[in-house]
């Protein structure tokens, strides 16, 4: 989905609603990309490696029993990717 676009230019990663989070660690166990970690000092799950999140994936949010994980709007993601592809194509850094 984001071929040729540097991952750090794409704002796509989960946000945790700590008021709703059950701290059951289901997201840590589920995510094979290592996005989440357990913070011992805060006794909660944190988004430790946001750039490891697969662009467009929302699976951890779907498996969260408390629905405490959200993502940016997918429509906005598509607009951003189109804009970044156009910028990179214009600079000769990538082809769309």
PDB file of N, CA and C in Angstrom:
ATOM      1  N   UNK A   1       0.816  -1.207   0.000  1.00  0.00           N
ATOM      2  CA  UNK A   1       0.000   0.000   0.000  1.00  0.00           C
ATOM      3  C   UNK A   1       0.853   1.262   0.000  1.00  0.00           C
ATOM      4  N   UNK A   2       2.007   1.233   0.654  1.00  0.00           N
ATOM      5  CA  UNK A   2       2.831   2.425   0.783  1.00  0.00           C
ATOM      6  C   UNK A   2       4.171   2.293   0.085  1.00  0.00           C
ATOM      7  N   UNK A   3       4.229   1.490  -0.964  1.00  0.00           N
ATOM      8  CA  UNK A   3       5.507   1.239  -1.627  1.00  0.00           C
ATOM      9  C   UNK A   3       6.184   2.533  -2.056  1.00  0.00           C
ATOM     10  N   UNK A   4       7.439   2.633  -1.695  1.00  0.00           N
ATOM     11  CA  UNK A   4       8.238   3.784  -2.073  1.00  0.00           C
ATOM     12  C   UNK A   4       8.127   4.980  -1.134  1.00  0.00           C
ATOM     13  N   UNK A   5       7.200   4.948  -0.222  1.00  0.00           N
ATOM     14  CA  UNK A   5       7.025   6.062   0.704  1.00  0.00           C
ATOM     15  C   UNK A   5       7.715   5.705   2.015  1.00  0.00           C
ATOM     16  N   UNK A   6       8.605   6.564   2.501  1.00  0.00           N
ATOM     17  CA  UNK A   6       9.252   6.277   3.779  1.00  0.00           C
ATOM     18  C   UNK A   6       8.203   6.133   4.889  1.00  0.00           C
ATOM     19  N   UNK A   7       8.319   5.078   5.670  1.00  0.00           N
ATOM     20  CA  UNK A   7       7.310   4.779   6.705  1.00  0.00           C
ATOM     21  C   UNK A   7       7.151   5.923   7.695  1.00  0.00           C
ATOM     22  N   UNK A   8       8.210   6.620   8.002  1.00  0.00           N
ATOM     23  CA  UNK A   8       8.111   7.699   8.986  1.00  0.00           C
ATOM     24  C   UNK A   8       7.303   8.900   8.489  1.00  0.00           C
ATOM     25  N   UNK A   9       6.952   8.906   7.210  1.00  0.00           N
ATOM     26  CA  UNK A   9       6.117   9.991   6.663  1.00  0.00           C
ATOM     27  C   UNK A   9       4.630   9.654   6.728  1.00  0.00           C
ATOM     28  N   UNK A  10       4.315   8.418   7.104  1.00  0.00           N
ATOM     29  CA  UNK A  10       2.918   7.978   7.134  1.00  0.00           C
ATOM     30  C   UNK A  10       2.449   7.883   8.578  1.00  0.00           C
ATOM     31  N   UNK A  11       1.498   8.731   8.918  1.00  0.00           N
ATOM     32  CA  UNK A  11       0.980   8.776  10.290  1.00  0.00           C
ATOM     33  C   UNK A  11      -0.108   7.703  10.440  1.00  0.00           C
ATOM     34  N   UNK A  12       0.320   6.480  10.691  1.00  0.00           N
ATOM     35  CA  UNK A  12      -0.614   5.367  10.877  1.00  0.00           C
ATOM     36  C   UNK A  12      -0.119   4.465  11.998  1.00  0.00           C
ATOM     37  N   UNK A  13      -0.802   4.540  13.112  1.00  0.00           N
ATOM     38  CA  UNK A  13      -0.487   3.684  14.253  1.00  0.00           C
ATOM     39  C   UNK A  13      -1.644   3.777  15.235  1.00  0.00           C
ATOM     40  N   UNK A  14      -1.751   2.812  16.138  1.00  0.00           N
ATOM     41  CA  UNK A  14      -2.873   2.794  17.073  1.00  0.00           C
ATOM     42  C   UNK A  14      -2.740   3.827  18.182  1.00  0.00           C
ATOM     43  N   UNK A  15      -3.890   4.190  18.714  1.00  0.00           N
ATOM     44  CA  UNK A  15      -3.983   5.018  19.910  1.00  0.00           C
ATOM     45  C   UNK A  15      -4.785   4.218  20.930  1.00  0.00           C
ATOM     46  N   UNK A  16      -4.345   4.231  22.173  1.00  0.00           N
ATOM     47  CA  UNK A  16      -5.026   3.476  23.225  1.00  0.00           C
ATOM     48  C   UNK A  16      -5.819   4.420  24.110  1.00  0.00           C
ATOM     49  N   UNK A  17      -7.091   4.108  24.302  1.00  0.00           N
ATOM     50  CA  UNK A  17      -7.942   4.832  25.242  1.00  0.00           C
ATOM     51  C   UNK A  17      -7.756   4.147  26.594  1.00  0.00           C
ATOM     52  N   UNK A  18      -6.945   4.744  27.456  1.00  0.00           N
ATOM     53  CA  UNK A  18      -6.615   4.109  28.730  1.00  0.00           C
ATOM     54  C   UNK A  18      -7.801   4.038  29.684  1.00  0.00           C
ATOM     55  N   UNK A  19      -8.790   4.887  29.510  1.00  0.00           N
ATOM     56  CA  UNK A  19      -9.986   4.816  30.349  1.00  0.00           C
ATOM     57  C   UNK A  19     -10.778   3.543  30.056  1.00  0.00           C
ATOM     58  N   UNK A  20     -10.671   3.035  28.838  1.00  0.00           N
ATOM     59  CA  UNK A  20     -11.400   1.826  28.447  1.00  0.00           C
ATOM     60  C   UNK A  20     -10.537   0.567  28.507  1.00  0.00           C
ATOM     61  N   UNK A  21      -9.230   0.711  28.404  1.00  0.00           N
ATOM     62  CA  UNK A  21      -8.311  -0.435  28.315  1.00  0.00           C
ATOM     63  C   UNK A  21      -8.413  -1.333  29.549  1.00  0.00           C
ATOM     64  N   UNK A  22      -8.511  -2.641  29.301  1.00  0.00           N
ATOM     65  CA  UNK A  22      -8.581  -3.636  30.370  1.00  0.00           C
ATOM     66  C   UNK A  22      -7.201  -4.112  30.807  1.00  0.00           C
ATOM     67  N   UNK A  23      -6.174  -3.705  30.104  1.00  0.00           N
ATOM     68  CA  UNK A  23      -4.794  -4.120  30.383  1.00  0.00           C
ATOM     69  C   UNK A  23      -4.657  -5.637  30.353  1.00  0.00           C
ATOM     70  N   UNK A  24      -5.402  -6.290  29.461  1.00  0.00           N
ATOM     71  CA  UNK A  24      -5.353  -7.748  29.351  1.00  0.00           C
ATOM     72  C   UNK A  24      -4.228  -8.229  28.445  1.00  0.00           C
ATOM     73  N   UNK A  25      -3.559  -7.315  27.786  1.00  0.00           N
ATOM     74  CA  UNK A  25      -2.405  -7.582  26.936  1.00  0.00           C
ATOM     75  C   UNK A  25      -2.744  -8.360  25.662  1.00  0.00           C
ATOM     76  N   UNK A  26      -4.007  -8.429  25.310  1.00  0.00           N
ATOM     77  CA  UNK A  26      -4.403  -9.145  24.092  1.00  0.00           C
ATOM     78  C   UNK A  26      -3.720  -8.547  22.862  1.00  0.00           C
ATOM     79  N   UNK A  27      -3.575  -7.241  22.821  1.00  0.00           N
ATOM     80  CA  UNK A  27      -2.947  -6.579  21.678  1.00  0.00           C
ATOM     81  C   UNK A  27      -1.465  -6.944  21.578  1.00  0.00           C
ATOM     82  N   UNK A  28      -0.801  -7.048  22.713  1.00  0.00           N
ATOM     83  CA  UNK A  28       0.619  -7.426  22.715  1.00  0.00           C
ATOM     84  C   UNK A  28       0.780  -8.829  22.149  1.00  0.00           C
ATOM     85  N   UNK A  29      -0.053  -9.742  22.615  1.00  0.00           N
ATOM     86  CA  UNK A  29       0.013 -11.131  22.163  1.00  0.00           C
ATOM     87  C   UNK A  29      -0.365 -11.256  20.691  1.00  0.00           C
ATOM     88  N   UNK A  30      -1.309 -10.440  20.235  1.00  0.00           N
ATOM     89  CA  UNK A  30      -1.808 -10.531  18.869  1.00  0.00           C
ATOM     90  C   UNK A  30      -0.849  -9.941  17.834  1.00  0.00           C
ATOM     91  N   UNK A  31      -0.301  -8.777  18.110  1.00  0.00           N
ATOM     92  CA  UNK A  31       0.492  -8.038  17.124  1.00  0.00           C
ATOM     93  C   UNK A  31       1.870  -8.673  16.926  1.00  0.00           C
ATOM     94  N   UNK A  32       2.083  -9.200  15.738  1.00  0.00           N
ATOM     95  CA  UNK A  32       3.367  -9.832  15.409  1.00  0.00           C
ATOM     96  C   UNK A  32       4.408  -8.811  14.956  1.00  0.00           C
ATOM     97  N   UNK A  33       4.000  -7.541  14.836  1.00  0.00           N
ATOM     98  CA  UNK A  33       4.922  -6.493  14.390  1.00  0.00           C
ATOM     99  C   UNK A  33       5.626  -5.797  15.545  1.00  0.00           C
ATOM    100  N   UNK A  34       5.282  -6.151  16.780  1.00  0.00           N
ATOM    101  CA  UNK A  34       5.953  -5.576  17.938  1.00  0.00           C
ATOM    102  C   UNK A  34       5.612  -4.129  18.209  1.00  0.00           C
ATOM    103  N   UNK A  35       4.384  -3.728  17.865  1.00  0.00           N
ATOM    104  CA  UNK A  35       3.971  -2.338  18.075  1.00  0.00           C
ATOM    105  C   UNK A  35       3.785  -2.039  19.562  1.00  0.00           C
ATOM    106  N   UNK A  36       3.238  -3.002  20.296  1.00  0.00           N
ATOM    107  CA  UNK A  36       2.886  -2.793  21.703  1.00  0.00           C
ATOM    108  C   UNK A  36       3.905  -3.414  22.647  1.00  0.00           C
ATOM    109  N   UNK A  37       4.018  -2.808  23.824  1.00  0.00           N
ATOM    110  CA  UNK A  37       4.826  -3.366  24.908  1.00  0.00           C
ATOM    111  C   UNK A  37       4.094  -3.116  26.221  1.00  0.00           C
ATOM    112  N   UNK A  38       4.465  -3.880  27.233  1.00  0.00           N
ATOM    113  CA  UNK A  38       3.915  -3.687  28.561  1.00  0.00           C
ATOM    114  C   UNK A  38       4.824  -2.746  29.328  1.00  0.00           C
ATOM    115  N   UNK A  39       4.253  -1.692  29.867  1.00  0.00           N
ATOM    116  CA  UNK A  39       4.989  -0.719  30.674  1.00  0.00           C
ATOM    117  C   UNK A  39       4.792  -1.088  32.139  1.00  0.00           C
ATOM    118  N   UNK A  40       5.814  -1.677  32.738  1.00  0.00           N
ATOM    119  CA  UNK A  40       5.721  -2.110  34.138  1.00  0.00           C
ATOM    120  C   UNK A  40       5.445  -0.951  35.091  1.00  0.00           C
ATOM    121  N   UNK A  41       6.123   0.171  34.858  1.00  0.00           N
ATOM    122  CA  UNK A  41       5.968   1.293  35.785  1.00  0.00           C
ATOM    123  C   UNK A  41       4.559   1.873  35.767  1.00  0.00           C
ATOM    124  N   UNK A  42       3.928   1.868  34.605  1.00  0.00           N
ATOM    125  CA  UNK A  42       2.567   2.382  34.512  1.00  0.00           C
ATOM    126  C   UNK A  42       1.509   1.300  34.561  1.00  0.00           C
ATOM    127  N   UNK A  43       1.961   0.039  34.571  1.00  0.00           N
ATOM    128  CA  UNK A  43       1.075  -1.128  34.572  1.00  0.00           C
ATOM    129  C   UNK A  43       0.024  -1.017  33.466  1.00  0.00           C
ATOM    130  N   UNK A  44       0.551  -0.765  32.242  1.00  0.00           N
ATOM    131  CA  UNK A  44      -0.356  -0.632  31.105  1.00  0.00           C
ATOM    132  C   UNK A  44       0.368  -0.934  29.799  1.00  0.00           C
ATOM    133  N   UNK A  45      -0.434  -1.169  28.780  1.00  0.00           N
ATOM    134  CA  UNK A  45       0.083  -1.394  27.434  1.00  0.00           C
ATOM    135  C   UNK A  45       0.416  -0.035  26.828  1.00  0.00           C
ATOM    136  N   UNK A  46       1.531   0.032  26.106  1.00  0.00           N
ATOM    137  CA  UNK A  46       1.903   1.266  25.411  1.00  0.00           C
ATOM    138  C   UNK A  46       2.220   0.959  23.953  1.00  0.00           C
ATOM    139  N   UNK A  47       2.047   1.961  23.119  1.00  0.00           N
ATOM    140  CA  UNK A  47       2.438   1.870  21.715  1.00  0.00           C
ATOM    141  C   UNK A  47       3.918   2.253  21.686  1.00  0.00           C
ATOM    142  N   UNK A  48       4.767   1.236  21.763  1.00  0.00           N
ATOM    143  CA  UNK A  48       6.207   1.465  21.905  1.00  0.00           C
ATOM    144  C   UNK A  48       6.918   1.636  20.570  1.00  0.00           C
ATOM    145  N   UNK A  49       6.427   0.965  19.531  1.00  0.00           N
ATOM    146  CA  UNK A  49       7.062   1.013  18.217  1.00  0.00           C
ATOM    147  C   UNK A  49       6.011   1.355  17.158  1.00  0.00           C
ATOM    148  N   UNK A  50       5.519   2.591  17.140  1.00  0.00           N
ATOM    149  CA  UNK A  50       4.430   2.951  16.230  1.00  0.00           C
ATOM    150  C   UNK A  50       4.761   2.745  14.748  1.00  0.00           C
ATOM    151  N   UNK A  51       6.009   2.924  14.371  1.00  0.00           N
ATOM    152  CA  UNK A  51       6.369   2.770  12.957  1.00  0.00           C
ATOM    153  C   UNK A  51       6.426   1.311  12.518  1.00  0.00           C
ATOM    154  N   UNK A  52       6.322   0.384  13.468  1.00  0.00           N
ATOM    155  CA  UNK A  52       6.239  -1.041  13.121  1.00  0.00           C
ATOM    156  C   UNK A  52       4.831  -1.414  12.667  1.00  0.00           C
ATOM    157  N   UNK A  53       3.865  -0.556  12.927  1.00  0.00           N
ATOM    158  CA  UNK A  53       2.474  -0.844  12.572  1.00  0.00           C
ATOM    159  C   UNK A  53       2.339  -0.932  11.046  1.00  0.00           C
ATOM    160  N   UNK A  54       1.670  -1.974  10.595  1.00  0.00           N
ATOM    161  CA  UNK A  54       1.443  -2.167   9.167  1.00  0.00           C
ATOM    162  C   UNK A  54       0.408  -1.140   8.706  1.00  0.00           C
ATOM    163  N   UNK A  55       0.779  -0.352   7.714  1.00  0.00           N
ATOM    164  CA  UNK A  55      -0.099   0.718   7.236  1.00  0.00           C
ATOM    165  C   UNK A  55      -1.424   0.129   6.742  1.00  0.00           C
ATOM    166  N   UNK A  56      -2.505   0.637   7.321  1.00  0.00           N
ATOM    167  CA  UNK A  56      -3.841   0.195   6.954  1.00  0.00           C
ATOM    168  C   UNK A  56      -4.390  -0.907   7.828  1.00  0.00           C
ATOM    169  N   UNK A  57      -3.560  -1.555   8.618  1.00  0.00           N
ATOM    170  CA  UNK A  57      -4.015  -2.653   9.473  1.00  0.00           C
ATOM    171  C   UNK A  57      -4.732  -2.091  10.705  1.00  0.00           C
ATOM    172  N   UNK A  58      -5.871  -2.678  11.030  1.00  0.00           N
ATOM    173  CA  UNK A  58      -6.631  -2.307  12.224  1.00  0.00           C
ATOM    174  C   UNK A  58      -6.995  -3.538  13.052  1.00  0.00           C
ATOM    175  N   UNK A  59      -6.333  -4.638  12.794  1.00  0.00           N
ATOM    176  CA  UNK A  59      -6.705  -5.916  13.405  1.00  0.00           C
ATOM    177  C   UNK A  59      -6.640  -5.906  14.926  1.00  0.00           C
ATOM    178  N   UNK A  60      -5.656  -5.266  15.506  1.00  0.00           N
ATOM    179  CA  UNK A  60      -5.567  -5.252  16.966  1.00  0.00           C
ATOM    180  C   UNK A  60      -6.761  -4.528  17.570  1.00  0.00           C
ATOM    181  N   UNK A  61      -7.230  -3.506  16.899  1.00  0.00           N
ATOM    182  CA  UNK A  61      -8.419  -2.799  17.371  1.00  0.00           C
ATOM    183  C   UNK A  61      -9.653  -3.670  17.304  1.00  0.00           C
ATOM    184  N   UNK A  62      -9.690  -4.557  16.334  1.00  0.00           N
ATOM    185  CA  UNK A  62     -10.835  -5.448  16.186  1.00  0.00           C
ATOM    186  C   UNK A  62     -10.843  -6.568  17.215  1.00  0.00           C
ATOM    187  N   UNK A  63      -9.669  -6.976  17.696  1.00  0.00           N
ATOM    188  CA  UNK A  63      -9.624  -8.054  18.684  1.00  0.00           C
ATOM    189  C   UNK A  63      -9.671  -7.531  20.122  1.00  0.00           C
ATOM    190  N   UNK A  64      -9.528  -6.233  20.309  1.00  0.00           N
ATOM    191  CA  UNK A  64      -9.540  -5.656  21.655  1.00  0.00           C
ATOM    192  C   UNK A  64     -10.941  -5.789  22.256  1.00  0.00           C
ATOM    193  N   UNK A  65     -11.086  -6.540  23.359  1.00  0.00           N
ATOM    194  CA  UNK A  65     -12.410  -6.754  23.931  1.00  0.00           C
ATOM    195  C   UNK A  65     -13.061  -5.470  24.459  1.00  0.00           C
ATOM    196  N   UNK A  66     -12.251  -4.479  24.788  1.00  0.00           N
ATOM    197  CA  UNK A  66     -12.778  -3.222  25.323  1.00  0.00           C
ATOM    198  C   UNK A  66     -12.940  -2.150  24.253  1.00  0.00           C
ATOM    199  N   UNK A  67     -12.546  -2.472  23.009  1.00  0.00           N
ATOM    200  CA  UNK A  67     -12.573  -1.501  21.912  1.00  0.00           C
ATOM    201  C   UNK A  67     -11.806  -0.233  22.289  1.00  0.00           C
ATOM    202  N   UNK A  68     -10.669  -0.438  22.953  1.00  0.00           N
ATOM    203  CA  UNK A  68      -9.856   0.675  23.450  1.00  0.00           C
ATOM    204  C   UNK A  68      -8.795   1.139  22.458  1.00  0.00           C
ATOM    205  N   UNK A  69      -8.691   0.469  21.316  1.00  0.00           N
ATOM    206  CA  UNK A  69      -7.669   0.804  20.322  1.00  0.00           C
ATOM    207  C   UNK A  69      -8.337   1.415  19.100  1.00  0.00           C
ATOM    208  N   UNK A  70      -7.863   2.588  18.716  1.00  0.00           N
ATOM    209  CA  UNK A  70      -8.391   3.256  17.532  1.00  0.00           C
ATOM    210  C   UNK A  70      -7.245   3.640  16.599  1.00  0.00           C
ATOM    211  N   UNK A  71      -7.640   3.986  15.375  1.00  0.00           N
ATOM    212  CA  UNK A  71      -6.685   4.372  14.340  1.00  0.00           C
ATOM    213  C   UNK A  71      -7.161   5.637  13.657  1.00  0.00           C
ATOM    214  N   UNK A  72      -6.264   6.307  12.919  1.00  0.00           N
ATOM    215  CA  UNK A  72      -6.689   7.451  12.111  1.00  0.00           C
ATOM    216  C   UNK A  72      -7.731   7.003  11.080  1.00  0.00           C
ATOM    217  N   UNK A  73      -8.432   7.947  10.521  1.00  0.00           N
ATOM    218  CA  UNK A  73      -9.439   7.687   9.504  1.00  0.00           C
ATOM    219  C   UNK A  73      -8.789   7.113   8.241  1.00  0.00           C
ATOM    220  N   UNK A  74      -9.358   6.017   7.712  1.00  0.00           N
ATOM    221  CA  UNK A  74      -8.781   5.391   6.513  1.00  0.00           C
ATOM    222  C   UNK A  74      -8.904   6.283   5.276  1.00  0.00           C
ATOM    223  N   UNK A  75      -9.950   7.100   5.214  1.00  0.00           N
ATOM    224  CA  UNK A  75     -10.076   8.039   4.106  1.00  0.00           C
ATOM    225  C   UNK A  75      -8.939   9.051   4.112  1.00  0.00           C
ATOM    226  N   UNK A  76      -8.603   9.526   5.291  1.00  0.00           N
ATOM    227  CA  UNK A  76      -7.483  10.462   5.424  1.00  0.00           C
ATOM    228  C   UNK A  76      -6.176   9.771   5.062  1.00  0.00           C
ATOM    229  N   UNK A  77      -6.032   8.510   5.453  1.00  0.00           N
ATOM    230  CA  UNK A  77      -4.841   7.750   5.092  1.00  0.00           C
ATOM    231  C   UNK A  77      -4.691   7.677   3.576  1.00  0.00           C
ATOM    232  N   UNK A  78      -5.759   7.371   2.880  1.00  0.00           N
ATOM    233  CA  UNK A  78      -5.706   7.280   1.418  1.00  0.00           C
ATOM    234  C   UNK A  78      -5.322   8.610   0.786  1.00  0.00           C
ATOM    235  N   UNK A  79      -5.886   9.705   1.304  1.00  0.00           N
ATOM    236  CA  UNK A  79      -5.542  11.038   0.778  1.00  0.00           C
ATOM    237  C   UNK A  79      -4.069  11.349   1.024  1.00  0.00           C
ATOM    238  N   UNK A  80      -3.606  11.025   2.208  1.00  0.00           N
ATOM    239  CA  UNK A  80      -2.205  11.274   2.552  1.00  0.00           C
ATOM    240  C   UNK A  80      -1.267  10.466   1.661  1.00  0.00           C
ATOM    241  N   UNK A  81      -1.590   9.186   1.438  1.00  0.00           N
ATOM    242  CA  UNK A  81      -0.747   8.356   0.583  1.00  0.00           C
ATOM    243  C   UNK A  81      -0.704   8.887  -0.841  1.00  0.00           C
ATOM    244  N   UNK A  82      -1.854   9.325  -1.361  1.00  0.00           N
ATOM    245  CA  UNK A  82      -1.871   9.904  -2.718  1.00  0.00           C
ATOM    246  C   UNK A  82      -0.985  11.143  -2.781  1.00  0.00           C
ATOM    247  N   UNK A  83      -1.103  11.990  -1.772  1.00  0.00           N
ATOM    248  CA  UNK A  83      -0.312  13.221  -1.737  1.00  0.00           C
ATOM    249  C   UNK A  83       1.184  12.904  -1.655  1.00  0.00           C
ATOM    250  N   UNK A  84       1.555  11.970  -0.802  1.00  0.00           N
ATOM    251  CA  UNK A  84       2.971  11.618  -0.657  1.00  0.00           C
ATOM    252  C   UNK A  84       3.524  10.981  -1.927  1.00  0.00           C
ATOM    253  N   UNK A  85       2.729  10.130  -2.566  1.00  0.00           N
ATOM    254  CA  UNK A  85       3.170   9.534  -3.834  1.00  0.00           C
ATOM    255  C   UNK A  85       3.406  10.614  -4.885  1.00  0.00           C
ATOM    256  N   UNK A  86       2.502  11.586  -4.949  1.00  0.00           N
ATOM    257  CA  UNK A  86       2.640  12.674  -5.921  1.00  0.00           C
ATOM    258  C   UNK A  86       3.896  13.497  -5.621  1.00  0.00           C
ATOM    259  N   UNK A  87       4.123  13.780  -4.355  1.00  0.00           N
ATOM    260  CA  UNK A  87       5.319  14.539  -3.973  1.00  0.00           C
ATOM    261  C   UNK A  87       6.592  13.781  -4.350  1.00  0.00           C
ATOM    262  N   UNK A  88       6.615  12.505  -4.040  1.00  0.00           N
ATOM    263  CA  UNK A  88       7.808  11.700  -4.332  1.00  0.00           C
ATOM    264  C   UNK A  88       8.012  11.526  -5.832  1.00  0.00           C
ATOM    265  N   UNK A  89       6.914  11.370  -6.585  1.00  0.00           N
ATOM    266  CA  UNK A  89       7.022  11.251  -8.037  1.00  0.00           C
ATOM    267  C   UNK A  89       7.560  12.542  -8.635  1.00  0.00           C
ATOM    268  N   UNK A  90       7.120  13.667  -8.091  1.00  0.00           N
ATOM    269  CA  UNK A  90       7.588  14.971  -8.565  1.00  0.00           C
ATOM    270  C   UNK A  90       9.036  15.221  -8.278  1.00  0.00           C
ATOM    271  N   UNK A  91       9.528  14.637  -7.181  1.00  0.00           N
ATOM    272  CA  UNK A  91      10.934  14.844  -6.826  1.00  0.00           C
ATOM    273  C   UNK A  91      11.841  13.800  -7.488  1.00  0.00           C
ATOM    274  N   UNK A  92      11.218  12.796  -8.142  1.00  0.00           N
ATOM    275  CA  UNK A  92      11.998  11.749  -8.779  1.00  0.00           C
ATOM    276  C   UNK A  92      12.447  10.686  -7.813  1.00  0.00           C
ATOM    277  N   UNK A  93      11.964  10.747  -6.562  1.00  0.00           N
ATOM    278  CA  UNK A  93      12.391   9.786  -5.541  1.00  0.00           C
ATOM    279  C   UNK A  93      11.676   8.448  -5.665  1.00  0.00           C
ATOM    280  N   UNK A  94      10.492   8.452  -6.290  1.00  0.00           N
ATOM    281  CA  UNK A  94       9.729   7.208  -6.434  1.00  0.00           C
ATOM    282  C   UNK A  94       8.785   7.362  -7.603  1.00  0.00           C
ATOM    283  N   UNK A  95       8.265   6.246  -8.036  1.00  0.00           N
ATOM    284  CA  UNK A  95       7.258   6.280  -9.088  1.00  0.00           C
ATOM    285  C   UNK A  95       5.941   5.805  -8.521  1.00  0.00           C
ATOM    286  N   UNK A  96       4.874   6.432  -8.950  1.00  0.00           N
ATOM    287  CA  UNK A  96       3.552   6.077  -8.422  1.00  0.00           C
ATOM    288  C   UNK A  96       2.952   4.949  -9.196  1.00  0.00           C
TER     289      UNK A  96
END
